[in-house]
PDB file of N, CA and C in Angstrom:
ATOM      1  N   UNK A   1      15.816   6.387  -4.615  1.00  0.00           N
ATOM      2  CA  UNK A   1      14.822   5.104  -4.282  1.00  0.00           C
ATOM      3  C   UNK A   1      13.284   5.820  -3.892  1.00  0.00           C
ATOM      4  N   UNK A   2      13.392   7.076  -4.005  1.00  0.00           N
ATOM      5  CA  UNK A   2      11.984   7.805  -3.806  1.00  0.00           C
ATOM      6  C   UNK A   2      11.585   7.579  -4.903  1.00  0.00           C
ATOM      7  N   UNK A   3      10.845   7.124  -5.558  1.00  0.00           N
ATOM      8  CA  UNK A   3      10.288   6.540  -5.992  1.00  0.00           C
ATOM      9  C   UNK A   3       9.213   5.751  -6.478  1.00  0.00           C
ATOM     10  N   UNK A   4       9.064   5.356  -4.822  1.00  0.00           N
ATOM     11  CA  UNK A   4       8.679   4.347  -4.930  1.00  0.00           C
ATOM     12  C   UNK A   4       7.463   5.127  -3.628  1.00  0.00           C
ATOM     13  N   UNK A   5       7.892   6.098  -3.601  1.00  0.00           N
ATOM     14  CA  UNK A   5       6.097   6.449  -2.363  1.00  0.00           C
ATOM     15  C   UNK A   5       5.362   7.241  -3.102  1.00  0.00           C
ATOM     16  N   UNK A   6       4.162   7.136  -2.277  1.00  0.00           N
ATOM     17  CA  UNK A   6       3.054   7.669  -2.991  1.00  0.00           C
ATOM     18  C   UNK A   6       2.483   8.707  -3.014  1.00  0.00           C
ATOM     19  N   UNK A   7       3.713   9.350  -2.677  1.00  0.00           N
ATOM     20  CA  UNK A   7       3.240  11.317  -2.840  1.00  0.00           C
ATOM     21  C   UNK A   7       4.019  11.021  -4.463  1.00  0.00           C
ATOM     22  N   UNK A   8       5.224  10.523  -4.650  1.00  0.00           N
ATOM     23  CA  UNK A   8       6.023  10.627  -6.014  1.00  0.00           C
ATOM     24  C   UNK A   8       4.828   9.700  -7.040  1.00  0.00           C
ATOM     25  N   UNK A   9       4.646   9.107  -6.637  1.00  0.00           N
ATOM     26  CA  UNK A   9       3.914   7.492  -8.229  1.00  0.00           C
ATOM     27  C   UNK A   9       3.020   8.767  -8.070  1.00  0.00           C
ATOM     28  N   UNK A  10       1.536   9.064  -7.405  1.00  0.00           N
ATOM     29  CA  UNK A  10       0.730   9.950  -7.658  1.00  0.00           C
ATOM     30  C   UNK A  10       0.819  11.426  -7.423  1.00  0.00           C
ATOM     31  N   UNK A  11       1.746  12.139  -7.810  1.00  0.00           N
ATOM     32  CA  UNK A  11       1.490  13.621  -7.602  1.00  0.00           C
ATOM     33  C   UNK A  11       0.873  14.222  -6.983  1.00  0.00           C
ATOM     34  N   UNK A  12      -0.126  14.307  -8.062  1.00  0.00           N
ATOM     35  CA  UNK A  12      -1.198  15.524  -8.596  1.00  0.00           C
ATOM     36  C   UNK A  12      -2.503  14.687  -8.023  1.00  0.00           C
ATOM     37  N   UNK A  13      -2.341  13.858  -7.013  1.00  0.00           N
ATOM     38  CA  UNK A  13      -3.880  12.804  -6.350  1.00  0.00           C
ATOM     39  C   UNK A  13      -3.368  12.969  -5.717  1.00  0.00           C
ATOM     40  N   UNK A  14      -2.789  13.534  -4.559  1.00  0.00           N
ATOM     41  CA  UNK A  14      -2.596  13.471  -2.734  1.00  0.00           C
ATOM     42  C   UNK A  14      -3.459  13.358  -2.065  1.00  0.00           C
ATOM     43  N   UNK A  15      -4.450  14.389  -2.480  1.00  0.00           N
ATOM     44  CA  UNK A  15      -5.773  14.842  -1.664  1.00  0.00           C
ATOM     45  C   UNK A  15      -6.536  13.796  -1.854  1.00  0.00           C
ATOM     46  N   UNK A  16      -7.040  13.453  -3.174  1.00  0.00           N
ATOM     47  CA  UNK A  16      -7.746  12.325  -3.754  1.00  0.00           C
ATOM     48  C   UNK A  16      -7.000  11.035  -3.478  1.00  0.00           C
ATOM     49  N   UNK A  17      -5.913  10.541  -2.500  1.00  0.00           N
ATOM     50  CA  UNK A  17      -5.434   9.263  -2.259  1.00  0.00           C
ATOM     51  C   UNK A  17      -6.649   9.412  -0.816  1.00  0.00           C
ATOM     52  N   UNK A  18      -5.668  10.583  -0.408  1.00  0.00           N
ATOM     53  CA  UNK A  18      -6.488  10.840   1.446  1.00  0.00           C
ATOM     54  C   UNK A  18      -7.641  10.760   1.796  1.00  0.00           C
ATOM     55  N   UNK A  19      -8.453  11.422   0.545  1.00  0.00           N
ATOM     56  CA  UNK A  19      -9.634  11.399   1.034  1.00  0.00           C
ATOM     57  C   UNK A  19     -10.784   9.958   0.814  1.00  0.00           C
ATOM     58  N   UNK A  20     -10.568   8.986  -0.343  1.00  0.00           N
ATOM     59  CA  UNK A  20      -9.947   7.551  -0.572  1.00  0.00           C
ATOM     60  C   UNK A  20      -9.834   6.838   0.736  1.00  0.00           C
ATOM     61  N   UNK A  21      -8.826   7.599   1.312  1.00  0.00           N
ATOM     62  CA  UNK A  21      -8.243   6.538   2.409  1.00  0.00           C
ATOM     63  C   UNK A  21      -9.698   6.396   3.840  1.00  0.00           C
ATOM     64  N   UNK A  22      -9.721   7.075   3.997  1.00  0.00           N
ATOM     65  CA  UNK A  22     -11.086   7.727   4.352  1.00  0.00           C
ATOM     66  C   UNK A  22     -11.848   7.449   4.298  1.00  0.00           C
ATOM     67  N   UNK A  23     -12.426   6.644   3.800  1.00  0.00           N
ATOM     68  CA  UNK A  23     -13.628   6.407   3.416  1.00  0.00           C
ATOM     69  C   UNK A  23     -13.811   4.818   2.957  1.00  0.00           C
ATOM     70  N   UNK A  24     -12.903   4.425   2.338  1.00  0.00           N
ATOM     71  CA  UNK A  24     -12.372   3.118   1.713  1.00  0.00           C
ATOM     72  C   UNK A  24     -11.652   2.167   2.131  1.00  0.00           C
ATOM     73  N   UNK A  25     -12.180   1.612   3.314  1.00  0.00           N
ATOM     74  CA  UNK A  25     -11.123   0.509   4.314  1.00  0.00           C
ATOM     75  C   UNK A  25     -10.177  -0.065   3.438  1.00  0.00           C
ATOM     76  N   UNK A  26     -10.792  -0.651   2.439  1.00  0.00           N
ATOM     77  CA  UNK A  26      -9.859  -1.776   1.423  1.00  0.00           C
ATOM     78  C   UNK A  26      -8.694  -1.099   1.106  1.00  0.00           C
ATOM     79  N   UNK A  27      -8.643   0.504  -0.142  1.00  0.00           N
ATOM     80  CA  UNK A  27      -8.316   1.009  -0.682  1.00  0.00           C
ATOM     81  C   UNK A  27      -7.221   1.326   0.482  1.00  0.00           C
ATOM     82  N   UNK A  28      -7.188   2.017   2.055  1.00  0.00           N
ATOM     83  CA  UNK A  28      -6.138   2.140   3.220  1.00  0.00           C
ATOM     84  C   UNK A  28      -5.632   1.182   3.262  1.00  0.00           C
ATOM     85  N   UNK A  29      -5.988   0.064   2.762  1.00  0.00           N
ATOM     86  CA  UNK A  29      -5.404  -1.244   3.522  1.00  0.00           C
ATOM     87  C   UNK A  29      -4.531  -1.624   2.364  1.00  0.00           C
ATOM     88  N   UNK A  30      -4.436  -0.906   1.379  1.00  0.00           N
ATOM     89  CA  UNK A  30      -3.719  -1.269  -0.092  1.00  0.00           C
ATOM     90  C   UNK A  30      -2.354  -0.437  -0.149  1.00  0.00           C
ATOM     91  N   UNK A  31      -3.329   0.802   0.400  1.00  0.00           N
ATOM     92  CA  UNK A  31      -2.272   1.757   0.619  1.00  0.00           C
ATOM     93  C   UNK A  31      -1.242   1.487   1.512  1.00  0.00           C
ATOM     94  N   UNK A  32      -1.723   1.428   2.836  1.00  0.00           N
ATOM     95  CA  UNK A  32      -0.496   1.091   4.014  1.00  0.00           C
ATOM     96  C   UNK A  32       0.205  -0.695   3.698  1.00  0.00           C
ATOM     97  N   UNK A  33      -0.342  -1.125   2.766  1.00  0.00           N
ATOM     98  CA  UNK A  33       0.418  -2.436   2.450  1.00  0.00           C
ATOM     99  C   UNK A  33       2.117  -2.106   1.525  1.00  0.00           C
ATOM    100  N   UNK A  34       1.375  -0.784   0.282  1.00  0.00           N
ATOM    101  CA  UNK A  34       2.058  -0.648  -0.065  1.00  0.00           C
ATOM    102  C   UNK A  34       3.583   0.161   0.224  1.00  0.00           C
ATOM    103  N   UNK A  35       2.627   0.950   1.064  1.00  0.00           N
ATOM    104  CA  UNK A  35       4.061   1.320   2.526  1.00  0.00           C
ATOM    105  C   UNK A  35       5.421   0.572   3.285  1.00  0.00           C
ATOM    106  N   UNK A  36       4.349  -0.698   3.541  1.00  0.00           N
ATOM    107  CA  UNK A  36       5.633  -1.247   4.347  1.00  0.00           C
ATOM    108  C   UNK A  36       6.347  -1.827   3.555  1.00  0.00           C
ATOM    109  N   UNK A  37       5.887  -1.947   2.487  1.00  0.00           N
ATOM    110  CA  UNK A  37       6.654  -3.083   1.061  1.00  0.00           C
ATOM    111  C   UNK A  37       7.385  -1.931   0.541  1.00  0.00           C
ATOM    112  N   UNK A  38       7.146  -0.807   0.576  1.00  0.00           N
ATOM    113  CA  UNK A  38       8.061   0.052  -0.149  1.00  0.00           C
ATOM    114  C   UNK A  38       9.044   0.246   1.001  1.00  0.00           C
ATOM    115  N   UNK A  39       8.822   0.437   2.615  1.00  0.00           N
ATOM    116  CA  UNK A  39       9.947   0.977   2.757  1.00  0.00           C
ATOM    117  C   UNK A  39      11.100  -0.516   3.069  1.00  0.00           C
ATOM    118  N   UNK A  40       9.575  -1.221   2.415  1.00  0.00           N
ATOM    119  CA  UNK A  40      10.992  -2.961   3.207  1.00  0.00           C
ATOM    120  C   UNK A  40      12.162  -3.213   2.202  1.00  0.00           C
ATOM    121  N   UNK A  41      11.620  -2.924   0.835  1.00  0.00           N
ATOM    122  CA  UNK A  41      12.306  -2.800  -0.386  1.00  0.00           C
ATOM    123  C   UNK A  41      13.325  -1.731  -0.162  1.00  0.00           C
ATOM    124  N   UNK A  42      13.365  -0.525   0.251  1.00  0.00           N
ATOM    125  CA  UNK A  42      14.154   0.447   0.158  1.00  0.00           C
ATOM    126  C   UNK A  42      15.484   0.432   1.255  1.00  0.00           C
ATOM    127  N   UNK A  43      14.646  -0.999   2.775  1.00  0.00           N
ATOM    128  CA  UNK A  43      15.571  -1.079   3.533  1.00  0.00           C
ATOM    129  C   UNK A  43      16.751  -2.038   2.993  1.00  0.00           C
ATOM    130  N   UNK A  44      16.590  -3.002   1.702  1.00  0.00           N
ATOM    131  CA  UNK A  44      16.687  -3.718   1.410  1.00  0.00           C
ATOM    132  C   UNK A  44      17.995  -3.226   0.779  1.00  0.00           C
ATOM    133  N   UNK A  45      17.526  -1.988   0.093  1.00  0.00           N
ATOM    134  CA  UNK A  45      18.746  -1.522  -0.593  1.00  0.00           C
ATOM    135  C   UNK A  45      19.724  -1.298   0.365  1.00  0.00           C
ATOM    136  N   UNK A  46      19.100  -1.033   1.324  1.00  0.00           N
ATOM    137  CA  UNK A  46      20.072  -0.122   2.254  1.00  0.00           C
ATOM    138  C   UNK A  46      21.204  -1.052   3.033  1.00  0.00           C
ATOM    139  N   UNK A  47      21.148  -2.479   2.791  1.00  0.00           N
ATOM    140  CA  UNK A  47      21.621  -3.325   3.819  1.00  0.00           C
ATOM    141  C   UNK A  47      21.880  -4.504   2.324  1.00  0.00           C
ATOM    142  N   UNK A  48      22.873  -4.441   1.721  1.00  0.00           N
ATOM    143  CA  UNK A  48      23.969  -4.901   0.384  1.00  0.00           C
ATOM    144  C   UNK A  48      23.400  -6.854   0.585  1.00  0.00           C
ATOM    145  N   UNK A  49      23.228  -7.641   0.136  1.00  0.00           N
ATOM    146  CA  UNK A  49      23.267  -8.676   0.374  1.00  0.00           C
ATOM    147  C   UNK A  49      22.420  -9.215   1.502  1.00  0.00           C
ATOM    148  N   UNK A  50      21.384  -8.382   2.291  1.00  0.00           N
ATOM    149  CA  UNK A  50      20.540  -9.219   2.996  1.00  0.00           C
ATOM    150  C   UNK A  50      19.366 -10.008   3.263  1.00  0.00           C
ATOM    151  N   UNK A  51      19.095  -9.831   2.056  1.00  0.00           N
ATOM    152  CA  UNK A  51      18.113 -10.558   1.109  1.00  0.00           C
ATOM    153  C   UNK A  51      18.100 -11.346   0.026  1.00  0.00           C
ATOM    154  N   UNK A  52      18.213 -12.400  -0.536  1.00  0.00           N
ATOM    155  CA  UNK A  52      17.999 -13.033  -1.739  1.00  0.00           C
ATOM    156  C   UNK A  52      17.518 -12.000  -3.199  1.00  0.00           C
ATOM    157  N   UNK A  53      17.929 -12.006  -3.984  1.00  0.00           N
ATOM    158  CA  UNK A  53      18.075 -11.735  -5.201  1.00  0.00           C
ATOM    159  C   UNK A  53      15.535 -11.600  -6.140  1.00  0.00           C
ATOM    160  N   UNK A  54      16.224 -13.152  -5.454  1.00  0.00           N
ATOM    161  CA  UNK A  54      14.212 -13.510  -6.280  1.00  0.00           C
ATOM    162  C   UNK A  54      13.595 -12.872  -4.743  1.00  0.00           C
ATOM    163  N   UNK A  55      13.727 -12.699  -3.747  1.00  0.00           N
ATOM    164  CA  UNK A  55      12.666 -11.478  -2.102  1.00  0.00           C
ATOM    165  C   UNK A  55      13.022 -10.695  -3.238  1.00  0.00           C
ATOM    166  N   UNK A  56      13.846 -10.213  -3.125  1.00  0.00           N
ATOM    167  CA  UNK A  56      13.658  -8.435  -3.777  1.00  0.00           C
ATOM    168  C   UNK A  56      12.514  -8.469  -5.456  1.00  0.00           C
ATOM    169  N   UNK A  57      13.263  -9.442  -5.757  1.00  0.00           N
ATOM    170  CA  UNK A  57      12.255  -9.450  -7.141  1.00  0.00           C
ATOM    171  C   UNK A  57      10.766  -9.656  -7.095  1.00  0.00           C
ATOM    172  N   UNK A  58      10.490 -10.734  -5.906  1.00  0.00           N
ATOM    173  CA  UNK A  58       8.794 -10.805  -5.438  1.00  0.00           C
ATOM    174  C   UNK A  58       8.529  -9.577  -4.717  1.00  0.00           C
ATOM    175  N   UNK A  59       9.295  -8.460  -4.019  1.00  0.00           N
ATOM    176  CA  UNK A  59       8.642  -7.158  -3.694  1.00  0.00           C
ATOM    177  C   UNK A  59       7.978  -6.669  -4.158  1.00  0.00           C
ATOM    178  N   UNK A  60       9.174  -6.674  -4.949  1.00  0.00           N
ATOM    179  CA  UNK A  60       9.159  -5.589  -6.543  1.00  0.00           C
ATOM    180  C   UNK A  60       7.671  -5.658  -7.033  1.00  0.00           C
ATOM    181  N   UNK A  61       7.519  -6.810  -7.349  1.00  0.00           N
ATOM    182  CA  UNK A  61       6.571  -7.344  -8.346  1.00  0.00           C
ATOM    183  C   UNK A  61       5.220  -7.394  -7.580  1.00  0.00           C
ATOM    184  N   UNK A  62       5.317  -7.308  -6.554  1.00  0.00           N
ATOM    185  CA  UNK A  62       4.142  -7.043  -5.534  1.00  0.00           C
ATOM    186  C   UNK A  62       4.199  -5.885  -5.654  1.00  0.00           C
ATOM    187  N   UNK A  63       4.705  -4.559  -5.590  1.00  0.00           N
ATOM    188  CA  UNK A  63       4.674  -3.168  -5.191  1.00  0.00           C
ATOM    189  C   UNK A  63       4.060  -2.913  -6.896  1.00  0.00           C
ATOM    190  N   UNK A  64       4.729  -3.596  -8.138  1.00  0.00           N
ATOM    191  CA  UNK A  64       3.924  -2.996  -9.349  1.00  0.00           C
ATOM    192  C   UNK A  64       2.358  -3.282  -9.003  1.00  0.00           C
ATOM    193  N   UNK A  65       2.320  -4.291  -8.632  1.00  0.00           N
ATOM    194  CA  UNK A  65       1.146  -5.035  -8.840  1.00  0.00           C
ATOM    195  C   UNK A  65      -0.509  -3.825  -7.220  1.00  0.00           C
ATOM    196  N   UNK A  66       0.163  -3.461  -6.462  1.00  0.00           N
ATOM    197  CA  UNK A  66      -0.412  -2.920  -6.035  1.00  0.00           C
ATOM    198  C   UNK A  66      -0.036  -1.257  -5.867  1.00  0.00           C
ATOM    199  N   UNK A  67       0.108  -0.958  -7.093  1.00  0.00           N
ATOM    200  CA  UNK A  67       0.436   0.596  -7.365  1.00  0.00           C
ATOM    201  C   UNK A  67      -0.898   0.312  -8.533  1.00  0.00           C
ATOM    202  N   UNK A  68      -0.781  -0.348  -9.195  1.00  0.00           N
ATOM    203  CA  UNK A  68      -1.699  -0.916 -10.345  1.00  0.00           C
ATOM    204  C   UNK A  68      -3.199  -0.949  -9.586  1.00  0.00           C
ATOM    205  N   UNK A  69      -3.467  -1.696  -8.675  1.00  0.00           N
ATOM    206  CA  UNK A  69      -4.702  -1.610  -7.622  1.00  0.00           C
ATOM    207  C   UNK A  69      -4.978  -0.202  -7.125  1.00  0.00           C
ATOM    208  N   UNK A  70      -4.167   0.842  -6.739  1.00  0.00           N
ATOM    209  CA  UNK A  70      -4.357   2.053  -6.558  1.00  0.00           C
ATOM    210  C   UNK A  70      -4.981   2.800  -7.132  1.00  0.00           C
ATOM    211  N   UNK A  71      -3.980   2.566  -8.474  1.00  0.00           N
ATOM    212  CA  UNK A  71      -3.929   3.542  -9.750  1.00  0.00           C
ATOM    213  C   UNK A  71      -5.775   3.118 -10.515  1.00  0.00           C
ATOM    214  N   UNK A  72      -6.016   1.912 -10.165  1.00  0.00           N
ATOM    215  CA  UNK A  72      -7.069   1.449 -10.605  1.00  0.00           C
ATOM    216  C   UNK A  72      -8.655   2.134  -9.647  1.00  0.00           C
ATOM    217  N   UNK A  73      -8.511   1.979  -8.484  1.00  0.00           N
ATOM    218  CA  UNK A  73      -9.061   2.495  -7.971  1.00  0.00           C
ATOM    219  C   UNK A  73      -9.260   4.553  -7.405  1.00  0.00           C
ATOM    220  N   UNK A  74      -8.521   5.136  -8.363  1.00  0.00           N
ATOM    221  CA  UNK A  74      -8.372   6.141  -8.693  1.00  0.00           C
ATOM    222  C   UNK A  74      -9.383   6.502 -10.183  1.00  0.00           C
ATOM    223  N   UNK A  75      -8.982   5.430 -10.630  1.00  0.00           N
ATOM    224  CA  UNK A  75      -9.609   5.910 -12.119  1.00  0.00           C
ATOM    225  C   UNK A  75     -11.391   5.612 -11.538  1.00  0.00           C
ATOM    226  N   UNK A  76     -12.105   4.105 -10.956  1.00  0.00           N
ATOM    227  CA  UNK A  76     -13.005   3.808 -10.449  1.00  0.00           C
ATOM    228  C   UNK A  76     -13.901   5.043  -9.618  1.00  0.00           C
ATOM    229  N   UNK A  77     -12.925   5.392  -8.785  1.00  0.00           N
ATOM    230  CA  UNK A  77     -13.655   7.065  -7.705  1.00  0.00           C
ATOM    231  C   UNK A  77     -13.856   8.267  -8.821  1.00  0.00           C
ATOM    232  N   UNK A  78     -13.102   8.155 -10.213  1.00  0.00           N
ATOM    233  CA  UNK A  78     -12.935   9.231 -10.782  1.00  0.00           C
ATOM    234  C   UNK A  78     -11.672  10.139 -10.672  1.00  0.00           C
ATOM    235  N   UNK A  79     -11.318   9.885 -10.329  1.00  0.00           N
ATOM    236  CA  UNK A  79      -9.967  10.113  -9.648  1.00  0.00           C
ATOM    237  C   UNK A  79      -8.581  10.761 -10.525  1.00  0.00           C
ATOM    238  N   UNK A  80      -8.780   9.577 -11.051  1.00  0.00           N
ATOM    239  CA  UNK A  80      -7.029   9.513 -11.587  1.00  0.00           C
ATOM    240  C   UNK A  80      -7.888  10.283 -13.327  1.00  0.00           C
TER     241      UNK A  80
END
């Protein structure tokens, strides 16, 4: 499930993400939240039955929302 990592989601924008994270604390927090939830989601897939299906769906939905926020921030900054 490597597709959840930021460098996989936005492969051509890693420098832009790093630059924006340095100057925008809200964007940095969004990226950190995405990374933390992504790690949680991936750990759930390695431990079947450890969490409920609904919890897994909730995390995936939140990840999708954070991904969209990251993309919007990159667009606003003229980097996407």
